[in-house]
């Protein structure tokens, strides 16, 4: 299973890379765009990113510190293709994202059960029973990694 992790800002790259490692250990092919893509206000996606998006079975958006233009373009492309997409955000970032991503899942380390419930509800809407099961396993693993590595105040 190919997973594309779109992350909000350069600060979120650490989480994305940790999730990539966790996914790889569990047999997933996980692509995380390079950090330089988060440093400019690029108008178009680079060809490598576009290719990886089209090859992905599932898109996971991880937004902890904000939304870069590159991340916005990746997530908009995932919806346009369309690809099964789950966008997860920190509670502080979530209010600005909810108008664009109605199925946004808020990752609150104090209430991980809400995130788990949101993921399950979202995945029920994905067509194809077998693909949904694989997506559930893949994203459940990634979500667990996100919760484990979330900064604790």
Protein backbone atom coordinates (compact mmCIF):
# COMPACT_ATOMS: atom_id res chain seq x y z
CA UNK A 1 0.00 0.00 0.00
CA UNK A 2 1.31 3.43 -0.98
CA UNK A 3 0.71 6.28 1.45
CA UNK A 4 1.46 9.94 0.74
CA UNK A 5 1.95 12.11 3.82
CA UNK A 6 1.32 15.78 3.22
CA UNK A 7 2.54 17.88 6.12
CA UNK A 8 1.69 21.45 6.94
CA UNK A 9 4.99 23.13 7.57
CA UNK A 10 8.69 22.42 7.94
CA UNK A 11 8.08 21.99 11.69
CA UNK A 12 5.64 19.12 10.92
CA UNK A 13 8.23 17.28 8.85
CA UNK A 14 9.65 15.54 11.93
CA UNK A 15 6.26 13.99 12.66
CA UNK A 16 5.82 13.03 9.00
CA UNK A 17 9.24 11.33 8.90
CA UNK A 18 8.53 9.44 12.10
CA UNK A 19 5.25 8.25 10.61
CA UNK A 20 7.11 7.25 7.45
CA UNK A 21 9.45 5.07 9.49
CA UNK A 22 6.55 3.55 11.43
CA UNK A 23 4.69 2.84 8.20
CA UNK A 24 7.75 1.25 6.57
CA UNK A 25 8.18 -1.09 9.53
CA UNK A 26 4.57 -2.16 8.98
CA UNK A 27 5.04 -2.90 5.26
CA UNK A 28 3.76 0.37 3.81
CA UNK A 29 5.45 2.43 1.13
CA UNK A 30 5.28 5.96 2.53
CA UNK A 31 6.31 9.11 0.68
CA UNK A 32 7.04 12.36 2.52
CA UNK A 33 7.83 15.39 0.32
CA UNK A 34 11.19 17.03 0.99
CA UNK A 35 11.40 19.99 3.37
CA UNK A 36 12.41 22.45 0.66
CA UNK A 37 8.87 22.16 -0.76
CA UNK A 38 7.59 23.84 2.41
CA UNK A 39 9.95 26.79 2.21
CA UNK A 40 8.66 28.52 -0.91
CA UNK A 41 5.29 29.75 -2.09
CA UNK A 42 5.39 27.50 -5.17
CA UNK A 43 2.47 27.91 -7.53
CA UNK A 44 2.62 24.39 -8.97
CA UNK A 45 3.42 21.02 -7.48
CA UNK A 46 6.78 19.65 -8.55
CA UNK A 47 6.67 16.63 -10.88
CA UNK A 48 7.93 14.14 -8.25
CA UNK A 49 5.24 15.18 -5.78
CA UNK A 50 2.52 15.01 -8.44
CA UNK A 51 3.69 11.53 -9.45
CA UNK A 52 3.73 10.27 -5.87
CA UNK A 53 0.26 11.71 -5.26
CA UNK A 54 -1.14 9.89 -8.28
CA UNK A 55 0.52 6.60 -7.22
CA UNK A 56 -0.73 6.78 -3.63
CA UNK A 57 -3.57 4.61 -2.40
CA UNK A 58 -4.20 6.87 0.59
CA UNK A 59 -3.30 10.49 1.40
CA UNK A 60 -2.70 11.53 5.00
CA UNK A 61 -2.53 15.23 5.87
CA UNK A 62 -0.64 16.05 9.08
CA UNK A 63 -1.00 19.66 10.20
CA UNK A 64 0.44 20.54 13.55
CA UNK A 65 2.03 23.93 13.11
CA UNK A 66 0.13 25.39 10.16
CA UNK A 67 -0.71 24.99 6.48
CA UNK A 68 1.93 25.70 3.84
CA UNK A 69 1.00 26.44 0.24
CA UNK A 70 2.57 23.15 -0.86
CA UNK A 71 0.45 21.20 1.62
CA UNK A 72 -2.69 23.06 0.52
CA UNK A 73 -1.96 22.15 -3.11
CA UNK A 74 -1.26 18.50 -2.26
CA UNK A 75 -4.49 18.14 -0.30
CA UNK A 76 -6.54 19.96 -2.94
CA UNK A 77 -5.04 17.66 -5.60
CA UNK A 78 -5.89 14.58 -3.52
CA UNK A 79 -9.52 15.70 -3.41
CA UNK A 80 -9.58 16.49 -7.13
CA UNK A 81 -8.08 13.15 -8.27
CA UNK A 82 -9.97 11.84 -6.00
CA UNK A 83 -7.97 9.78 -3.53
CA UNK A 84 -9.02 8.59 -0.07
CA UNK A 85 -7.76 11.43 2.09
CA UNK A 86 -7.72 12.02 5.82
CA UNK A 87 -6.57 15.36 7.18
CA UNK A 88 -5.51 15.46 10.81
CA UNK A 89 -4.78 18.69 12.62
CA UNK A 90 -3.71 20.07 15.96
CA UNK A 91 -6.61 21.63 17.89
CA UNK A 92 -5.07 25.10 17.50
CA UNK A 93 -4.83 24.80 13.69
CA UNK A 94 -8.15 23.00 13.14
CA UNK A 95 -10.53 26.00 13.14
CA UNK A 96 -8.85 27.59 10.11
CA UNK A 97 -8.95 24.28 8.20
CA UNK A 98 -12.51 23.10 8.85
CA UNK A 99 -14.08 25.22 6.07
CA UNK A 100 -11.80 23.49 3.51
CA UNK A 101 -11.78 19.97 4.96
CA UNK A 102 -15.19 19.08 6.39
CA UNK A 103 -13.98 15.63 7.48
CA UNK A 104 -11.05 17.10 9.41
CA UNK A 105 -9.91 14.99 12.35
CA UNK A 106 -8.63 16.93 15.32
CA UNK A 107 -5.70 15.18 17.02
CA UNK A 108 -5.89 16.08 20.67
CA UNK A 109 -3.39 13.99 22.66
CA UNK A 110 -5.64 14.46 25.70
CA UNK A 111 -8.56 12.79 23.83
CA UNK A 112 -7.14 10.24 21.36
CA UNK A 113 -10.42 8.30 21.31
CA UNK A 114 -12.11 11.14 19.40
CA UNK A 115 -9.44 10.97 16.70
CA UNK A 116 -9.80 7.20 16.46
CA UNK A 117 -13.58 7.53 16.12
CA UNK A 118 -13.17 10.20 13.42
CA UNK A 119 -10.78 8.01 11.42
CA UNK A 120 -13.13 5.02 11.56
CA UNK A 121 -16.12 7.15 10.54
CA UNK A 122 -14.22 8.66 7.63
CA UNK A 123 -12.93 5.32 6.38
CA UNK A 124 -16.44 3.87 6.32
CA UNK A 125 -17.14 6.27 3.45
CA UNK A 126 -14.29 4.94 1.31
CA UNK A 127 -15.49 2.78 -1.59
CA UNK A 128 -14.28 -0.80 -1.89
CA UNK A 129 -14.36 -3.08 1.12
CA UNK A 130 -10.87 -4.55 0.74
CA UNK A 131 -9.28 -1.21 0.00
CA UNK A 132 -11.08 0.30 3.00
CA UNK A 133 -9.73 -2.44 5.26
CA UNK A 134 -6.19 -1.86 4.04
CA UNK A 135 -6.62 1.90 4.42
CA UNK A 136 -7.94 1.41 7.94
CA UNK A 137 -4.93 -0.67 8.91
CA UNK A 138 -2.51 1.75 7.25
CA UNK A 139 -4.04 4.91 8.64
CA UNK A 140 -4.66 3.38 12.04
CA UNK A 141 -0.97 2.60 12.27
CA UNK A 142 -0.05 6.09 11.13
CA UNK A 143 -2.56 7.72 13.47
CA UNK A 144 -1.22 5.73 16.38
CA UNK A 145 2.26 6.94 15.48
CA UNK A 146 1.00 10.50 15.34
CA UNK A 147 -0.52 10.19 18.79
CA UNK A 148 2.60 8.58 20.23
CA UNK A 149 4.88 11.26 18.85
CA UNK A 150 2.59 14.23 19.60
CA UNK A 151 4.27 16.75 21.89
CA UNK A 152 2.95 16.58 25.43
CA UNK A 153 2.62 19.86 27.33
